[in-house]
N, C-alpha and C. Protein backbone atom coordinates (compact mmCIF):
# COMPACT_ATOMS: atom_id res chain seq x y z
N GLN A 1 15.99 -5.20 10.86
CA GLN A 1 15.23 -5.14 10.46
C GLN A 1 13.49 -3.48 9.85
N VAL A 2 13.07 -3.05 9.79
CA VAL A 2 11.55 -2.53 9.93
C VAL A 2 11.10 -2.10 10.31
N HIS A 3 9.64 -0.99 11.25
CA HIS A 3 8.61 -0.92 11.11
C HIS A 3 8.31 -0.38 11.26
N LEU A 4 7.02 -0.43 10.66
CA LEU A 4 6.28 -0.20 9.36
C LEU A 4 5.34 0.91 10.35
N VAL A 5 4.28 2.02 9.58
CA VAL A 5 2.60 2.48 10.66
C VAL A 5 2.09 2.83 9.42
N GLU A 6 0.88 2.90 9.31
CA GLU A 6 -0.07 3.52 8.07
C GLU A 6 -1.05 4.60 9.27
N SER A 7 -1.19 5.05 8.51
CA SER A 7 -2.67 5.87 8.67
C SER A 7 -2.47 7.31 7.31
N GLY A 8 -4.05 7.13 7.42
CA GLY A 8 -4.23 8.10 5.96
C GLY A 8 -6.10 7.00 6.44
N GLY A 9 -6.23 5.92 6.78
CA GLY A 9 -7.87 5.19 6.08
C GLY A 9 -9.08 6.77 7.29
N GLY A 10 -9.98 5.79 5.95
CA GLY A 10 -11.24 6.57 6.71
C GLY A 10 -12.51 5.79 6.66
N LEU A 11 -13.06 7.72 5.97
CA LEU A 11 -15.00 6.65 5.61
C LEU A 11 -14.44 8.31 4.34
N VAL A 12 -15.22 7.24 3.65
CA VAL A 12 -14.77 7.85 1.49
C VAL A 12 -16.19 7.80 1.36
N GLN A 13 -16.98 9.06 0.50
CA GLN A 13 -17.83 8.74 -0.22
C GLN A 13 -17.75 8.21 -1.61
N ALA A 14 -18.53 6.79 -2.57
CA ALA A 14 -17.93 6.64 -3.79
C ALA A 14 -17.22 7.65 -4.48
N GLY A 15 -17.27 7.33 -5.16
CA GLY A 15 -16.06 8.38 -6.01
C GLY A 15 -14.91 9.01 -6.01
N GLY A 16 -15.10 9.94 -4.50
CA GLY A 16 -14.04 10.56 -3.24
C GLY A 16 -11.98 9.88 -4.26
N SER A 17 -11.81 10.42 -2.96
CA SER A 17 -10.12 9.55 -2.86
C SER A 17 -9.39 9.99 -0.95
N LEU A 18 -8.77 9.55 -1.11
CA LEU A 18 -7.93 8.73 -0.13
C LEU A 18 -7.02 8.48 -0.57
N ARG A 19 -5.45 9.98 0.21
CA ARG A 19 -4.11 8.80 0.37
C ARG A 19 -3.26 8.24 1.47
N LEU A 20 -2.86 6.94 1.81
CA LEU A 20 -2.48 6.47 2.71
C LEU A 20 -0.78 6.66 2.68
N SER A 21 -0.81 6.92 3.81
CA SER A 21 0.38 7.06 3.88
C SER A 21 1.40 5.80 5.28
N CYS A 22 2.81 5.76 4.62
CA CYS A 22 3.48 4.02 5.57
C CYS A 22 4.79 4.34 5.64
N VAL A 23 5.01 5.22 7.38
CA VAL A 23 5.99 5.26 7.70
C VAL A 23 7.10 4.93 8.98
N ALA A 24 8.01 4.70 8.11
CA ALA A 24 8.63 2.55 8.02
C ALA A 24 10.35 3.70 9.06
N SER A 25 10.83 2.78 10.43
CA SER A 25 10.96 3.24 11.17
C SER A 25 12.76 2.25 11.35
N GLY A 26 13.93 1.99 11.78
CA GLY A 26 14.35 0.97 11.77
C GLY A 26 15.54 1.08 10.06
N ARG A 27 16.40 0.15 9.25
CA ARG A 27 17.16 -0.53 8.93
C ARG A 27 17.25 0.03 7.81
N THR A 28 17.42 1.04 6.65
CA THR A 28 17.55 2.64 5.78
C THR A 28 16.42 1.98 4.17
N PHE A 29 15.84 2.86 4.71
CA PHE A 29 14.06 2.61 3.52
C PHE A 29 14.22 2.08 2.53
N THR A 30 16.07 2.60 1.81
CA THR A 30 15.80 1.80 0.52
C THR A 30 16.20 1.17 -0.21
N ALA A 31 16.68 0.30 0.73
CA ALA A 31 16.66 -1.07 0.87
C ALA A 31 15.79 -1.89 0.66
N TYR A 32 14.17 -1.84 0.47
CA TYR A 32 13.03 -2.73 1.04
C TYR A 32 12.32 -2.22 -0.43
N VAL A 33 11.62 -2.96 -1.56
CA VAL A 33 10.73 -2.89 -2.28
C VAL A 33 9.39 -3.18 -1.12
N MET A 34 8.31 -1.59 -2.25
CA MET A 34 7.15 -1.64 -0.71
C MET A 34 6.92 -1.78 -1.27
N GLY A 35 4.96 -2.07 -0.94
CA GLY A 35 3.52 -2.69 -1.25
C GLY A 35 2.35 -1.79 -0.80
N TRP A 36 1.59 -2.44 -1.04
CA TRP A 36 0.82 -1.83 -0.12
C TRP A 36 -0.35 -3.48 -0.87
N PHE A 37 -0.86 -3.94 0.69
CA PHE A 37 -1.84 -5.70 0.48
C PHE A 37 -3.10 -5.21 0.64
N ARG A 38 -4.05 -5.05 -0.01
CA ARG A 38 -6.10 -4.98 1.14
C ARG A 38 -6.08 -6.48 1.10
N GLN A 39 -7.40 -5.91 2.20
CA GLN A 39 -8.20 -7.86 2.41
C GLN A 39 -9.36 -7.47 3.40
N ALA A 40 -10.23 -7.05 3.03
CA ALA A 40 -12.30 -7.66 3.10
C ALA A 40 -12.28 -8.09 3.99
N PRO A 41 -13.36 -7.41 4.87
CA PRO A 41 -13.72 -9.41 5.35
C PRO A 41 -14.31 -10.65 5.48
N GLY A 42 -13.70 -11.89 4.69
CA GLY A 42 -14.50 -12.98 4.48
C GLY A 42 -13.15 -13.12 3.29
N LYS A 43 -12.62 -11.81 2.88
CA LYS A 43 -11.70 -12.23 1.42
C LYS A 43 -10.56 -12.82 1.97
N ALA A 44 -9.37 -12.72 0.94
CA ALA A 44 -7.96 -12.87 0.68
C ALA A 44 -7.39 -11.45 0.87
N ARG A 45 -6.13 -11.59 1.41
CA ARG A 45 -5.77 -10.54 1.38
C ARG A 45 -5.27 -10.66 -0.05
N GLU A 46 -5.00 -9.78 -1.12
CA GLU A 46 -4.83 -9.25 -1.59
C GLU A 46 -3.42 -8.21 -2.77
N PHE A 47 -3.93 -8.49 -3.41
CA PHE A 47 -2.16 -7.22 -3.46
C PHE A 47 -2.76 -5.93 -4.50
N VAL A 48 -2.61 -4.62 -4.44
CA VAL A 48 -2.64 -3.93 -4.95
C VAL A 48 -1.93 -2.77 -5.99
N ALA A 49 -0.40 -2.80 -5.02
CA ALA A 49 0.46 -1.94 -6.27
C ALA A 49 2.12 -2.83 -5.01
N ALA A 50 3.13 -1.88 -5.89
CA ALA A 50 3.58 -2.31 -5.39
C ALA A 50 5.42 -1.12 -5.82
N ILE A 51 5.91 -0.91 -5.72
CA ILE A 51 7.43 0.30 -6.07
C ILE A 51 8.96 -0.45 -5.55
N ASN A 52 9.98 -0.03 -7.10
CA ASN A 52 11.19 -0.57 -6.63
C ASN A 52 11.60 0.44 -5.48
N ARG A 53 13.00 0.33 -5.33
CA ARG A 53 13.53 0.64 -4.18
C ARG A 53 14.06 2.31 -4.52
N SER A 54 14.76 2.86 -5.87
CA SER A 54 14.27 4.08 -6.15
C SER A 54 13.09 4.83 -6.04
N GLY A 55 12.06 4.09 -6.59
CA GLY A 55 11.02 4.89 -7.04
C GLY A 55 10.21 4.81 -8.15
N SER A 56 11.81 4.13 -9.02
CA SER A 56 11.26 4.58 -11.32
C SER A 56 10.66 3.46 -11.10
N THR A 57 9.79 2.77 -10.94
CA THR A 57 9.17 1.38 -11.39
C THR A 57 7.98 1.49 -10.62
N THR A 58 6.81 0.93 -10.84
CA THR A 58 6.08 0.84 -9.94
C THR A 58 4.77 -0.50 -10.73
N ALA A 59 4.30 -1.53 -9.99
CA ALA A 59 3.16 -1.98 -10.68
C ALA A 59 2.02 -1.99 -10.24
N TYR A 60 0.65 -2.51 -10.75
CA TYR A 60 -0.18 -2.32 -10.25
C TYR A 60 -1.82 -3.81 -10.09
N ALA A 61 -2.09 -3.91 -9.20
CA ALA A 61 -3.17 -4.98 -9.86
C ALA A 61 -3.93 -3.85 -10.43
N ASP A 62 -4.88 -5.44 -11.91
CA ASP A 62 -5.62 -4.02 -12.50
C ASP A 62 -7.40 -3.37 -11.90
N SER A 63 -6.83 -3.98 -10.89
CA SER A 63 -8.58 -3.41 -10.52
C SER A 63 -8.07 -2.05 -9.69
N VAL A 64 -7.06 -1.74 -9.61
CA VAL A 64 -7.25 -0.33 -9.35
C VAL A 64 -6.29 1.33 -10.54
N LYS A 65 -5.94 -0.01 -10.90
CA LYS A 65 -4.47 0.76 -12.29
C LYS A 65 -5.43 1.69 -12.78
N GLY A 66 -5.32 3.15 -12.72
CA GLY A 66 -5.52 3.60 -13.29
C GLY A 66 -6.45 4.69 -12.81
N ARG A 67 -6.49 4.48 -11.22
CA ARG A 67 -7.08 4.54 -10.31
C ARG A 67 -5.94 5.44 -8.93
N PHE A 68 -5.71 4.74 -8.79
CA PHE A 68 -4.77 4.81 -7.12
C PHE A 68 -3.08 5.17 -7.79
N THR A 69 -2.05 5.48 -6.78
CA THR A 69 -0.88 5.70 -7.61
C THR A 69 -0.14 5.44 -6.15
N ILE A 70 0.45 5.16 -6.40
CA ILE A 70 1.94 4.17 -5.04
C ILE A 70 3.36 5.28 -5.77
N SER A 71 3.44 5.38 -4.46
CA SER A 71 4.56 6.47 -4.67
C SER A 71 5.72 6.70 -3.53
N ARG A 72 7.17 6.68 -3.13
CA ARG A 72 7.68 6.80 -1.52
C ARG A 72 8.95 8.02 -1.94
N ASP A 73 7.90 8.52 -1.15
CA ASP A 73 9.85 9.63 -0.86
C ASP A 73 10.74 9.07 0.41
N ASN A 74 11.69 8.61 -0.20
CA ASN A 74 12.85 8.31 -0.17
C ASN A 74 13.99 9.31 1.44
N THR A 75 13.96 10.51 1.17
CA THR A 75 14.21 11.48 2.05
C THR A 75 13.64 10.96 2.84
N GLN A 76 12.01 10.47 3.00
CA GLN A 76 11.08 10.65 5.00
C GLN A 76 10.89 9.07 5.31
N ASN A 77 11.74 7.97 3.90
CA ASN A 77 11.08 7.45 4.86
C ASN A 77 9.83 7.05 4.44
N THR A 78 8.75 7.44 3.69
CA THR A 78 7.19 6.53 3.90
C THR A 78 6.95 7.08 2.93
N LEU A 79 5.54 5.46 2.30
CA LEU A 79 5.74 5.27 1.71
C LEU A 79 4.20 5.94 1.44
N TYR A 80 3.59 5.58 -0.56
CA TYR A 80 1.87 6.66 0.15
C TYR A 80 1.56 5.40 -0.47
N LEU A 81 0.65 5.54 -0.77
CA LEU A 81 -0.30 5.04 -1.67
C LEU A 81 -2.30 6.38 -2.00
N GLN A 82 -2.41 7.46 -3.26
CA GLN A 82 -3.53 8.02 -3.23
C GLN A 82 -4.02 7.65 -4.25
N MET A 83 -5.24 7.20 -3.41
CA MET A 83 -6.30 6.59 -3.90
C MET A 83 -7.84 7.56 -4.91
N ASN A 84 -8.13 7.76 -5.50
CA ASN A 84 -8.75 8.25 -6.57
C ASN A 84 -10.30 7.37 -7.30
N SER A 85 -11.60 8.57 -7.16
CA SER A 85 -12.26 7.40 -7.48
C SER A 85 -12.13 6.22 -6.84
N LEU A 86 -12.87 7.02 -5.29
CA LEU A 86 -13.05 4.78 -5.03
C LEU A 86 -13.72 4.38 -5.92
N LYS A 87 -14.02 4.08 -4.95
CA LYS A 87 -15.06 2.55 -5.34
C LYS A 87 -15.47 1.31 -4.49
N LEU A 88 -17.33 0.99 -4.06
CA LEU A 88 -17.56 0.98 -2.68
C LEU A 88 -16.46 -0.92 -2.83
N GLU A 89 -15.95 -1.71 -3.49
CA GLU A 89 -15.13 -2.86 -3.58
C GLU A 89 -14.07 -2.36 -3.65
N ASP A 90 -13.64 -1.12 -3.16
CA ASP A 90 -12.30 -0.80 -2.74
C ASP A 90 -12.66 -0.47 -0.82
N THR A 91 -13.61 -0.89 -0.38
CA THR A 91 -13.76 -1.13 1.29
C THR A 91 -12.31 -2.43 1.13
N ALA A 92 -11.96 -1.98 2.69
CA ALA A 92 -10.48 -3.24 3.38
C ALA A 92 -10.40 -2.88 4.59
N VAL A 93 -9.38 -3.35 5.18
CA VAL A 93 -8.12 -2.75 5.54
C VAL A 93 -6.67 -3.32 4.36
N TYR A 94 -5.92 -2.10 4.36
CA TYR A 94 -5.11 -0.99 3.53
C TYR A 94 -3.65 -1.98 4.59
N SER A 95 -3.41 -2.68 4.43
CA SER A 95 -1.90 -2.58 4.68
C SER A 95 -0.42 -2.43 3.77
N CYS A 96 1.00 -1.55 4.07
CA CYS A 96 1.97 -1.53 3.68
C CYS A 96 2.60 -2.76 4.21
N ALA A 97 3.89 -3.33 2.80
CA ALA A 97 4.69 -4.33 3.33
C ALA A 97 6.39 -3.51 3.17
N ALA A 98 7.41 -4.65 3.35
CA ALA A 98 8.89 -4.64 3.01
C ALA A 98 9.52 -5.61 2.74
N LYS A 99 9.86 -5.82 1.09
CA LYS A 99 10.19 -6.27 0.71
C LYS A 99 12.49 -6.37 0.37
N TYR A 100 12.82 -7.35 1.00
CA TYR A 100 13.67 -6.86 0.90
C TYR A 100 14.70 -7.93 0.00
N TYR A 101 14.20 -8.91 -0.30
CA TYR A 101 15.52 -9.77 -0.90
C TYR A 101 14.62 -9.00 -2.78
N GLY A 102 15.22 -8.92 -3.24
CA GLY A 102 15.24 -8.98 -5.12
C GLY A 102 14.09 -7.73 -5.70
N GLY A 103 13.01 -7.83 -6.28
CA GLY A 103 12.34 -7.02 -6.66
C GLY A 103 10.73 -7.09 -6.40
N ILE A 104 9.98 -6.05 -7.72
CA ILE A 104 9.46 -6.02 -7.37
C ILE A 104 8.12 -7.18 -6.98
N GLY A 105 7.49 -7.65 -6.34
CA GLY A 105 6.31 -8.60 -6.45
C GLY A 105 5.12 -8.00 -5.65
N SER A 106 3.91 -9.31 -6.27
CA SER A 106 2.87 -9.11 -5.77
C SER A 106 2.72 -10.47 -5.46
N ASN A 107 3.19 -10.86 -4.83
CA ASN A 107 2.07 -12.29 -4.28
C ASN A 107 2.78 -11.33 -1.86
N SER A 108 1.70 -11.88 -1.74
CA SER A 108 2.71 -10.89 0.00
C SER A 108 3.14 -12.48 1.11
N ASP A 109 3.83 -12.83 0.41
CA ASP A 109 4.50 -14.65 1.18
C ASP A 109 5.96 -13.73 0.67
N GLN A 110 6.11 -12.73 -0.48
CA GLN A 110 7.46 -12.51 -0.71
C GLN A 110 7.86 -11.35 -0.08
N TYR A 111 7.11 -10.35 1.24
CA TYR A 111 7.14 -9.22 1.83
C TYR A 111 8.29 -10.20 3.08
N ASP A 112 8.58 -9.10 3.84
CA ASP A 112 8.80 -9.46 4.59
C ASP A 112 8.03 -9.22 6.09
N TYR A 113 7.91 -7.22 6.02
CA TYR A 113 8.12 -7.09 7.40
C TYR A 113 6.48 -6.56 6.50
N TRP A 114 5.42 -6.29 8.25
CA TRP A 114 4.44 -5.24 7.89
C TRP A 114 3.84 -4.54 8.24
N GLY A 115 2.94 -3.77 8.73
CA GLY A 115 1.97 -2.53 9.37
C GLY A 115 1.17 -3.57 9.55
N GLN A 116 0.47 -2.43 10.53
CA GLN A 116 -0.77 -3.30 10.76
C GLN A 116 -1.95 -2.28 10.47
N GLY A 117 -2.51 -2.29 9.49
CA GLY A 117 -3.01 -2.66 8.33
C GLY A 117 -4.21 -1.12 8.49
N THR A 118 -4.42 -0.14 8.07
CA THR A 118 -5.59 0.96 8.53
C THR A 118 -6.91 0.51 7.77
N GLN A 119 -7.65 0.84 8.35
CA GLN A 119 -8.90 0.60 7.26
C GLN A 119 -9.61 2.62 6.62
N VAL A 120 -9.78 1.00 5.20
CA VAL A 120 -10.70 1.74 4.70
C VAL A 120 -12.04 1.82 4.34
N THR A 121 -12.53 2.63 4.39
CA THR A 121 -14.48 1.99 4.16
C THR A 121 -14.75 3.36 3.28
N VAL A 122 -15.43 3.09 1.90
CA VAL A 122 -16.24 3.55 0.66
C VAL A 122 -17.80 3.25 1.24
N SER A 123 -17.92 4.49 1.06
CA SER A 123 -20.30 4.57 1.17
C SER A 123 -20.85 5.05 0.39
N SER A 124 -21.62 4.39 -0.35
CA SER A 124 -22.89 5.19 -1.44
C SER A 124 -23.21 6.81 -1.51
């Protein structure tokens, strides 16, 4: 198993940038596909981005493509989400997740382990 802890959330003005981090401990980090999901109050959790085990392949939701970048540093067991040009609708709790079986997936049910989440609030 793996334990995931997110950090880097906070309050930012629309148009600004923020970088989220997710540090993994436990089983070897490189064994997992990693993803970011977000959930706003009263809304369903949605896929944001995912990255394969080596970091060579990424996938993004249409709503964030071109603005967000997912990356990982396997030497530091850390996943990142660089968020640029933030919009009000990006406000949500962002969670990182680890997927042991198979490749990149966009469905939260495919992921095996989850962090506690970090709040991102975008203001006008």
